[in-house]
Amino acid sequence: MGLNNYCALHTKMEQDECGRIFEKIFRQANGDWERFIAKLKKGSDPEDRNLIFVDSFEKVLKRFKINLHNDDKEKLVQSFPGRSEDGR
């Protein structure tokens, strides 16, 4: 999702905390988790289906009416680093 500023240990600790954020997303998906995951996969980077850019991720959240605080979004970006491309 994004580049991070953490050392490996700190990144692991943050990823563990992100479990809470994913639980929140799961609850807000209202039993439509499989379709939510399918939309994430569809919105993923064509060159690497294991990555999704933040703007694409936010579009999927919005489509499913899932609300995350900016702090939670930032924590996901920092905890699951990816590559940056054209300001994405």
N, C-alpha and C. Protein backbone atom coordinates (compact mmCIF):
# COMPACT_ATOMS: atom_id res chain seq x y z
N MET A 1 0.82 -1.19 0.00
CA MET A 1 0.00 0.00 0.00
C MET A 1 0.86 1.26 0.00
N GLY A 2 1.95 1.25 0.74
CA GLY A 2 2.77 2.45 0.77
C GLY A 2 4.15 2.16 1.30
N LEU A 3 5.02 3.14 1.17
CA LEU A 3 6.37 3.03 1.72
C LEU A 3 6.28 3.32 3.21
N ASN A 4 7.13 2.67 4.01
CA ASN A 4 7.04 2.94 5.45
C ASN A 4 8.35 3.50 5.99
N ASN A 5 8.25 4.01 7.22
CA ASN A 5 9.39 4.63 7.89
C ASN A 5 9.81 3.84 9.12
N TYR A 6 9.39 2.58 9.24
CA TYR A 6 9.63 1.78 10.42
C TYR A 6 10.74 0.76 10.21
N CYS A 7 11.40 0.38 11.30
CA CYS A 7 12.33 -0.75 11.26
C CYS A 7 11.49 -2.03 11.20
N ALA A 8 12.14 -3.16 10.95
CA ALA A 8 11.41 -4.42 10.78
C ALA A 8 10.60 -4.79 12.02
N LEU A 9 11.16 -4.64 13.21
CA LEU A 9 10.43 -4.99 14.44
C LEU A 9 9.22 -4.09 14.64
N HIS A 10 9.40 -2.80 14.44
CA HIS A 10 8.29 -1.86 14.59
C HIS A 10 7.21 -2.15 13.55
N THR A 11 7.61 -2.48 12.34
CA THR A 11 6.64 -2.82 11.29
C THR A 11 5.82 -4.03 11.73
N LYS A 12 6.44 -5.05 12.30
CA LYS A 12 5.73 -6.25 12.77
C LYS A 12 4.75 -5.89 13.87
N MET A 13 5.15 -5.03 14.79
CA MET A 13 4.26 -4.62 15.87
C MET A 13 3.06 -3.87 15.31
N GLU A 14 3.29 -3.01 14.34
CA GLU A 14 2.20 -2.25 13.73
C GLU A 14 1.27 -3.17 12.94
N GLN A 15 1.84 -4.16 12.25
CA GLN A 15 1.01 -5.10 11.50
C GLN A 15 0.09 -5.88 12.43
N ASP A 16 0.60 -6.24 13.61
CA ASP A 16 -0.24 -6.94 14.58
C ASP A 16 -1.42 -6.06 15.00
N GLU A 17 -1.16 -4.78 15.20
CA GLU A 17 -2.24 -3.87 15.58
C GLU A 17 -3.24 -3.69 14.43
N CYS A 18 -2.77 -3.85 13.21
CA CYS A 18 -3.66 -3.71 12.06
C CYS A 18 -4.73 -4.80 12.03
N GLY A 19 -4.50 -5.88 12.76
CA GLY A 19 -5.53 -6.91 12.88
C GLY A 19 -6.84 -6.32 13.38
N ARG A 20 -6.74 -5.38 14.31
CA ARG A 20 -7.93 -4.69 14.83
C ARG A 20 -8.63 -3.90 13.72
N ILE A 21 -7.84 -3.28 12.88
CA ILE A 21 -8.41 -2.49 11.78
C ILE A 21 -9.11 -3.41 10.79
N PHE A 22 -8.49 -4.56 10.49
CA PHE A 22 -9.13 -5.50 9.56
C PHE A 22 -10.40 -6.10 10.16
N GLU A 23 -10.43 -6.30 11.48
CA GLU A 23 -11.67 -6.75 12.13
C GLU A 23 -12.77 -5.71 11.95
N LYS A 24 -12.40 -4.46 12.08
CA LYS A 24 -13.35 -3.36 11.90
C LYS A 24 -13.88 -3.35 10.45
N ILE A 25 -13.00 -3.53 9.50
CA ILE A 25 -13.41 -3.59 8.09
C ILE A 25 -14.35 -4.78 7.88
N PHE A 26 -13.99 -5.93 8.44
CA PHE A 26 -14.79 -7.15 8.31
C PHE A 26 -16.21 -6.91 8.83
N ARG A 27 -16.33 -6.31 10.02
CA ARG A 27 -17.65 -6.02 10.60
C ARG A 27 -18.45 -5.08 9.70
N GLN A 28 -17.79 -4.05 9.17
CA GLN A 28 -18.50 -3.07 8.35
C GLN A 28 -18.87 -3.63 6.98
N ALA A 29 -18.21 -4.70 6.55
CA ALA A 29 -18.53 -5.31 5.26
C ALA A 29 -19.89 -6.02 5.31
N ASN A 30 -20.46 -6.14 6.49
CA ASN A 30 -21.81 -6.69 6.67
C ASN A 30 -22.03 -8.04 5.99
N GLY A 31 -21.15 -8.97 6.23
CA GLY A 31 -21.32 -10.31 5.69
C GLY A 31 -21.02 -10.43 4.21
N ASP A 32 -20.51 -9.38 3.62
CA ASP A 32 -20.21 -9.38 2.19
C ASP A 32 -18.70 -9.44 1.98
N TRP A 33 -18.00 -10.16 2.86
CA TRP A 33 -16.54 -10.21 2.86
C TRP A 33 -15.98 -10.76 1.56
N GLU A 34 -16.57 -11.84 1.05
CA GLU A 34 -16.05 -12.45 -0.18
C GLU A 34 -16.12 -11.48 -1.35
N ARG A 35 -17.21 -10.75 -1.47
CA ARG A 35 -17.34 -9.77 -2.55
C ARG A 35 -16.37 -8.61 -2.34
N PHE A 36 -16.20 -8.21 -1.08
CA PHE A 36 -15.25 -7.15 -0.75
C PHE A 36 -13.84 -7.56 -1.18
N ILE A 37 -13.42 -8.76 -0.84
CA ILE A 37 -12.10 -9.26 -1.21
C ILE A 37 -11.97 -9.34 -2.73
N ALA A 38 -13.01 -9.78 -3.40
CA ALA A 38 -12.99 -9.87 -4.87
C ALA A 38 -12.77 -8.48 -5.48
N LYS A 39 -13.41 -7.46 -4.92
CA LYS A 39 -13.24 -6.10 -5.43
C LYS A 39 -11.83 -5.58 -5.15
N LEU A 40 -11.27 -5.95 -3.99
CA LEU A 40 -9.88 -5.56 -3.71
C LEU A 40 -8.95 -6.19 -4.73
N LYS A 41 -9.16 -7.47 -5.02
CA LYS A 41 -8.31 -8.15 -6.00
C LYS A 41 -8.46 -7.52 -7.38
N LYS A 42 -9.68 -7.16 -7.73
CA LYS A 42 -9.92 -6.52 -9.03
C LYS A 42 -9.22 -5.17 -9.11
N GLY A 43 -9.16 -4.46 -7.98
CA GLY A 43 -8.53 -3.14 -7.94
C GLY A 43 -7.03 -3.17 -7.69
N SER A 44 -6.48 -4.36 -7.57
CA SER A 44 -5.05 -4.47 -7.27
C SER A 44 -4.20 -4.09 -8.48
N ASP A 45 -2.93 -3.93 -8.23
CA ASP A 45 -1.96 -3.56 -9.26
C ASP A 45 -1.84 -4.69 -10.28
N PRO A 46 -2.08 -4.43 -11.56
CA PRO A 46 -2.00 -5.49 -12.57
C PRO A 46 -0.63 -6.16 -12.64
N GLU A 47 0.41 -5.44 -12.27
CA GLU A 47 1.76 -6.01 -12.30
C GLU A 47 2.07 -6.87 -11.08
N ASP A 48 1.35 -6.65 -9.99
CA ASP A 48 1.54 -7.42 -8.77
C ASP A 48 0.21 -7.47 -8.03
N ARG A 49 -0.51 -8.55 -8.21
CA ARG A 49 -1.85 -8.70 -7.63
C ARG A 49 -1.86 -8.76 -6.11
N ASN A 50 -0.67 -8.76 -5.49
CA ASN A 50 -0.59 -8.72 -4.03
C ASN A 50 -0.56 -7.30 -3.49
N LEU A 51 -0.52 -6.31 -4.38
CA LEU A 51 -0.47 -4.91 -3.98
C LEU A 51 -1.71 -4.18 -4.47
N ILE A 52 -2.14 -3.21 -3.67
CA ILE A 52 -3.22 -2.31 -4.10
C ILE A 52 -2.79 -0.91 -3.70
N PHE A 53 -2.96 0.03 -4.61
CA PHE A 53 -2.62 1.41 -4.30
C PHE A 53 -3.67 1.99 -3.35
N VAL A 54 -3.26 2.95 -2.56
CA VAL A 54 -4.13 3.54 -1.54
C VAL A 54 -5.41 4.09 -2.17
N ASP A 55 -5.30 4.79 -3.30
CA ASP A 55 -6.50 5.37 -3.90
C ASP A 55 -7.48 4.28 -4.33
N SER A 56 -6.99 3.16 -4.84
CA SER A 56 -7.86 2.05 -5.22
C SER A 56 -8.50 1.41 -3.99
N PHE A 57 -7.71 1.25 -2.93
CA PHE A 57 -8.21 0.69 -1.68
C PHE A 57 -9.33 1.57 -1.12
N GLU A 58 -9.12 2.88 -1.14
CA GLU A 58 -10.13 3.79 -0.63
C GLU A 58 -11.41 3.75 -1.46
N LYS A 59 -11.29 3.55 -2.77
CA LYS A 59 -12.48 3.42 -3.62
C LYS A 59 -13.31 2.20 -3.23
N VAL A 60 -12.63 1.10 -2.94
CA VAL A 60 -13.35 -0.11 -2.53
C VAL A 60 -14.02 0.11 -1.18
N LEU A 61 -13.30 0.74 -0.24
CA LEU A 61 -13.91 1.05 1.06
C LEU A 61 -15.17 1.88 0.88
N LYS A 62 -15.07 2.90 0.05
CA LYS A 62 -16.21 3.78 -0.18
C LYS A 62 -17.37 3.03 -0.81
N ARG A 63 -17.07 2.16 -1.76
CA ARG A 63 -18.11 1.38 -2.44
C ARG A 63 -18.90 0.52 -1.45
N PHE A 64 -18.23 0.03 -0.43
CA PHE A 64 -18.87 -0.82 0.58
C PHE A 64 -19.31 -0.02 1.80
N LYS A 65 -19.20 1.30 1.71
CA LYS A 65 -19.59 2.20 2.80
C LYS A 65 -18.85 1.87 4.09
N ILE A 66 -17.57 1.57 3.95
CA ILE A 66 -16.71 1.27 5.10
C ILE A 66 -15.95 2.53 5.46
N ASN A 67 -16.12 2.96 6.69
CA ASN A 67 -15.48 4.18 7.16
C ASN A 67 -14.31 3.85 8.07
N LEU A 68 -13.15 4.36 7.71
CA LEU A 68 -11.96 4.23 8.55
C LEU A 68 -11.44 5.62 8.86
N HIS A 69 -10.98 5.78 10.10
CA HIS A 69 -10.35 7.03 10.48
C HIS A 69 -9.04 7.18 9.71
N ASN A 70 -8.64 8.40 9.49
CA ASN A 70 -7.37 8.65 8.79
C ASN A 70 -6.20 8.00 9.51
N ASP A 71 -6.25 7.95 10.85
CA ASP A 71 -5.18 7.30 11.61
C ASP A 71 -5.08 5.82 11.26
N ASP A 72 -6.23 5.17 11.09
CA ASP A 72 -6.23 3.75 10.72
C ASP A 72 -5.69 3.56 9.31
N LYS A 73 -6.07 4.43 8.40
CA LYS A 73 -5.56 4.33 7.02
C LYS A 73 -4.05 4.51 7.01
N GLU A 74 -3.56 5.49 7.76
CA GLU A 74 -2.12 5.75 7.81
C GLU A 74 -1.38 4.56 8.41
N LYS A 75 -1.96 3.96 9.44
CA LYS A 75 -1.33 2.80 10.06
C LYS A 75 -1.22 1.65 9.06
N LEU A 76 -2.25 1.43 8.24
CA LEU A 76 -2.19 0.39 7.21
C LEU A 76 -1.09 0.69 6.19
N VAL A 77 -1.00 1.94 5.78
CA VAL A 77 0.02 2.33 4.80
C VAL A 77 1.42 2.11 5.36
N GLN A 78 1.62 2.49 6.62
CA GLN A 78 2.93 2.35 7.23
C GLN A 78 3.28 0.90 7.55
N SER A 79 2.28 0.09 7.80
CA SER A 79 2.51 -1.28 8.22
C SER A 79 2.66 -2.27 7.08
N PHE A 80 2.11 -1.92 5.94
CA PHE A 80 2.18 -2.82 4.78
C PHE A 80 2.77 -2.05 3.61
N PRO A 81 4.09 -1.92 3.63
CA PRO A 81 4.74 -1.10 2.60
C PRO A 81 4.65 -1.72 1.22
N GLY A 82 4.61 -0.87 0.27
CA GLY A 82 4.62 -1.28 -1.13
C GLY A 82 5.47 -0.31 -1.89
N ARG A 83 5.20 -0.17 -3.14
CA ARG A 83 5.97 0.79 -3.92
C ARG A 83 5.13 2.03 -4.20
N SER A 84 5.80 3.11 -4.46
CA SER A 84 5.13 4.36 -4.78
C SER A 84 5.26 4.57 -6.28
N GLU A 85 4.19 5.01 -6.90
CA GLU A 85 4.21 5.22 -8.33
C GLU A 85 3.37 6.45 -8.68
N ASP A 86 3.99 7.43 -9.28
CA ASP A 86 3.29 8.62 -9.72
C ASP A 86 2.42 9.23 -8.63
N GLY A 87 2.97 9.32 -7.41
CA GLY A 87 2.25 9.94 -6.31
C GLY A 87 1.11 9.13 -5.75
N ARG A 88 1.02 7.87 -6.13
CA ARG A 88 -0.05 7.00 -5.63
C ARG A 88 0.38 6.33 -4.36
